[in-house]
Each structure stands twice: as C-alpha cells, then as structure tokens.
C-alpha cells in the first residue's frame, strides 16, 4: 500500500487560502452562507440515505439467514 499518493494531492494552508479567496470573489460574501447551508443539507440527506440503505441490507441478511 502506497501512502505517498494521497499526500501529494492534499492542499496546504496557502492553497486553501487561495481557494477561499476565489470562492468569495466568485459568489460574494452574502451567497456563501446559503451555499454552505445547501451543502450541509445535501450531506445530511446523503448520510440518512446511506444509513437507511445499510439498515435495509442488514434486515435482508437477517431474513436470508433465518
């Protein structure tokens, strides 16, 4: 297993600052909270769907083994 590959593409503090500046310039300071709220809601729905799917898989395995 090569652990070096993921470290090559991880952004450093300077790159993160540049990305944040570009985002502020593109979307403006007022639009960013709305974007983050939408992103948070999307992640919440994704996690909920994933948990429901895992629960469904566990239930199906229990029915098969019984």
N, C-alpha and C. Protein backbone atom coordinates (compact mmCIF):
# COMPACT_ATOMS: atom_id res chain seq x y z
N UNK A 1 0.84 -1.18 0.00
CA UNK A 1 0.00 0.00 0.00
C UNK A 1 0.89 1.24 0.00
N UNK A 2 0.64 2.11 -0.94
CA UNK A 2 1.46 3.30 -1.07
C UNK A 2 0.74 4.49 -0.43
N UNK A 3 1.27 5.00 0.67
CA UNK A 3 0.64 6.10 1.39
C UNK A 3 1.06 7.46 0.85
N UNK A 4 2.02 7.50 -0.05
CA UNK A 4 2.52 8.77 -0.57
C UNK A 4 1.54 9.44 -1.52
N UNK A 5 0.78 8.68 -2.28
CA UNK A 5 -0.10 9.23 -3.31
C UNK A 5 -1.14 10.19 -2.72
N UNK A 6 -1.88 9.86 -1.65
CA UNK A 6 -2.86 10.81 -1.14
C UNK A 6 -2.22 12.09 -0.60
N UNK A 7 -0.99 12.02 -0.11
CA UNK A 7 -0.34 13.19 0.45
C UNK A 7 0.08 14.18 -0.63
N UNK A 8 0.28 13.72 -1.84
CA UNK A 8 0.70 14.59 -2.92
C UNK A 8 -0.41 15.58 -3.28
N UNK A 9 -1.66 15.15 -3.21
CA UNK A 9 -2.77 15.97 -3.65
C UNK A 9 -3.47 16.71 -2.51
N UNK A 10 -2.96 16.66 -1.31
CA UNK A 10 -3.60 17.38 -0.21
C UNK A 10 -3.17 18.84 -0.25
N UNK A 11 -4.14 19.76 -0.21
CA UNK A 11 -3.79 21.19 -0.28
C UNK A 11 -3.20 21.68 1.04
N UNK A 12 -2.25 22.55 0.94
CA UNK A 12 -1.65 23.16 2.12
C UNK A 12 -2.41 24.41 2.52
N UNK A 13 -1.97 25.08 3.56
CA UNK A 13 -2.68 26.28 4.03
C UNK A 13 -2.73 27.39 2.98
N UNK A 14 -1.65 27.56 2.21
CA UNK A 14 -1.63 28.60 1.19
C UNK A 14 -2.66 28.31 0.09
N UNK A 15 -2.76 27.06 -0.33
CA UNK A 15 -3.72 26.69 -1.36
C UNK A 15 -5.16 26.86 -0.87
N UNK A 16 -5.40 26.54 0.39
CA UNK A 16 -6.74 26.69 0.96
C UNK A 16 -7.14 28.17 0.99
N UNK A 17 -6.20 29.03 1.35
CA UNK A 17 -6.48 30.48 1.37
C UNK A 17 -6.80 30.98 -0.04
N UNK A 18 -6.04 30.54 -1.02
CA UNK A 18 -6.30 30.94 -2.41
C UNK A 18 -7.68 30.47 -2.86
N UNK A 19 -8.04 29.24 -2.53
CA UNK A 19 -9.35 28.70 -2.90
C UNK A 19 -10.46 29.51 -2.24
N UNK A 20 -10.30 29.86 -0.96
CA UNK A 20 -11.32 30.66 -0.27
C UNK A 20 -11.47 32.05 -0.89
N UNK A 21 -10.36 32.65 -1.28
CA UNK A 21 -10.42 33.97 -1.92
C UNK A 21 -11.16 33.89 -3.25
N UNK A 22 -10.88 32.86 -4.02
CA UNK A 22 -11.55 32.68 -5.30
C UNK A 22 -13.05 32.47 -5.10
N UNK A 23 -13.42 31.67 -4.10
CA UNK A 23 -14.83 31.43 -3.82
C UNK A 23 -15.54 32.72 -3.43
N UNK A 24 -14.92 33.52 -2.58
CA UNK A 24 -15.52 34.80 -2.17
C UNK A 24 -15.66 35.73 -3.37
N UNK A 25 -14.67 35.76 -4.24
CA UNK A 25 -14.75 36.62 -5.42
C UNK A 25 -15.84 36.16 -6.39
N UNK A 26 -15.99 34.85 -6.53
CA UNK A 26 -16.98 34.33 -7.46
C UNK A 26 -18.41 34.48 -6.95
N UNK A 27 -18.64 34.16 -5.69
CA UNK A 27 -20.00 34.10 -5.18
C UNK A 27 -20.38 35.28 -4.30
N UNK A 28 -19.43 36.01 -3.80
CA UNK A 28 -19.73 37.12 -2.92
C UNK A 28 -19.95 36.65 -1.50
N UNK A 29 -19.77 37.56 -0.55
CA UNK A 29 -19.88 37.20 0.86
C UNK A 29 -21.28 36.83 1.29
N UNK A 30 -22.29 37.37 0.64
CA UNK A 30 -23.68 37.10 1.04
C UNK A 30 -24.16 35.73 0.58
N UNK A 31 -23.63 35.25 -0.51
CA UNK A 31 -24.11 33.99 -1.08
C UNK A 31 -23.47 32.77 -0.42
N UNK A 32 -22.31 32.92 0.19
CA UNK A 32 -21.58 31.78 0.75
C UNK A 32 -22.37 31.07 1.86
N UNK A 33 -23.01 31.77 2.83
CA UNK A 33 -23.79 31.04 3.83
C UNK A 33 -24.91 30.20 3.23
N UNK A 34 -25.54 30.70 2.17
CA UNK A 34 -26.59 29.93 1.50
C UNK A 34 -26.01 28.68 0.86
N UNK A 35 -24.85 28.83 0.25
CA UNK A 35 -24.20 27.67 -0.38
C UNK A 35 -23.81 26.62 0.66
N UNK A 36 -23.28 27.07 1.79
CA UNK A 36 -22.87 26.14 2.85
C UNK A 36 -24.09 25.45 3.46
N UNK A 37 -25.19 26.18 3.61
CA UNK A 37 -26.41 25.58 4.14
C UNK A 37 -26.92 24.48 3.21
N UNK A 38 -26.92 24.77 1.92
CA UNK A 38 -27.33 23.76 0.94
C UNK A 38 -26.41 22.56 0.94
N UNK A 39 -25.12 22.81 1.06
CA UNK A 39 -24.16 21.71 1.11
C UNK A 39 -24.38 20.85 2.35
N UNK A 40 -24.61 21.50 3.49
CA UNK A 40 -24.87 20.77 4.73
C UNK A 40 -26.13 19.92 4.66
N UNK A 41 -27.18 20.48 4.08
CA UNK A 41 -28.42 19.73 3.94
C UNK A 41 -28.23 18.55 3.00
N UNK A 42 -27.48 18.75 1.93
CA UNK A 42 -27.21 17.66 1.00
C UNK A 42 -26.43 16.53 1.65
N UNK A 43 -25.42 16.89 2.45
CA UNK A 43 -24.65 15.86 3.17
C UNK A 43 -25.51 15.12 4.18
N UNK A 44 -26.39 15.86 4.86
CA UNK A 44 -27.27 15.24 5.85
C UNK A 44 -28.20 14.23 5.17
N UNK A 45 -28.77 14.61 4.03
CA UNK A 45 -29.66 13.69 3.31
C UNK A 45 -28.89 12.48 2.79
N UNK A 46 -27.65 12.69 2.33
CA UNK A 46 -26.84 11.58 1.84
C UNK A 46 -26.53 10.60 2.95
N UNK A 47 -26.15 11.10 4.13
CA UNK A 47 -25.87 10.22 5.27
C UNK A 47 -27.12 9.45 5.69
N UNK A 48 -28.26 10.14 5.70
CA UNK A 48 -29.51 9.49 6.07
C UNK A 48 -29.85 8.36 5.09
N UNK A 49 -29.70 8.63 3.81
CA UNK A 49 -29.98 7.61 2.80
C UNK A 49 -29.01 6.44 2.92
N UNK A 50 -27.75 6.73 3.21
CA UNK A 50 -26.76 5.67 3.37
C UNK A 50 -27.09 4.78 4.56
N UNK A 51 -27.47 5.40 5.69
CA UNK A 51 -27.82 4.62 6.88
C UNK A 51 -29.06 3.78 6.63
N UNK A 52 -30.06 4.35 5.93
CA UNK A 52 -31.27 3.59 5.62
C UNK A 52 -30.94 2.40 4.73
N UNK A 53 -30.05 2.61 3.77
CA UNK A 53 -29.66 1.53 2.86
C UNK A 53 -28.91 0.44 3.62
N UNK A 54 -28.01 0.84 4.53
CA UNK A 54 -27.28 -0.15 5.32
C UNK A 54 -28.24 -0.93 6.22
N UNK A 55 -29.19 -0.24 6.81
CA UNK A 55 -30.17 -0.91 7.67
C UNK A 55 -31.00 -1.90 6.85
N UNK A 56 -31.38 -1.50 5.65
CA UNK A 56 -32.14 -2.38 4.77
C UNK A 56 -31.34 -3.63 4.42
N UNK A 57 -30.03 -3.45 4.14
CA UNK A 57 -29.17 -4.58 3.82
C UNK A 57 -29.05 -5.54 5.00
N UNK A 58 -28.93 -4.99 6.22
CA UNK A 58 -28.83 -5.82 7.41
C UNK A 58 -30.13 -6.59 7.63
N UNK A 59 -31.25 -5.92 7.43
CA UNK A 59 -32.54 -6.58 7.57
C UNK A 59 -32.70 -7.71 6.56
N UNK A 60 -32.27 -7.49 5.32
CA UNK A 60 -32.35 -8.52 4.30
C UNK A 60 -31.45 -9.70 4.64
N UNK A 61 -30.26 -9.44 5.18
CA UNK A 61 -29.37 -10.54 5.56
C UNK A 61 -29.98 -11.35 6.68
N UNK A 62 -30.64 -10.68 7.61
CA UNK A 62 -31.28 -11.39 8.72
C UNK A 62 -32.41 -12.28 8.23
N UNK A 63 -33.14 -11.84 7.22
CA UNK A 63 -34.21 -12.65 6.68
C UNK A 63 -33.66 -13.85 5.91
N UNK A 64 -32.55 -13.68 5.24
CA UNK A 64 -31.96 -14.77 4.46
C UNK A 64 -31.40 -15.84 5.39
N UNK A 65 -30.74 -15.42 6.48
CA UNK A 65 -30.12 -16.37 7.40
C UNK A 65 -31.16 -17.12 8.23
N UNK A 66 -32.32 -16.53 8.46
CA UNK A 66 -33.34 -17.17 9.29
C UNK A 66 -33.97 -18.36 8.62
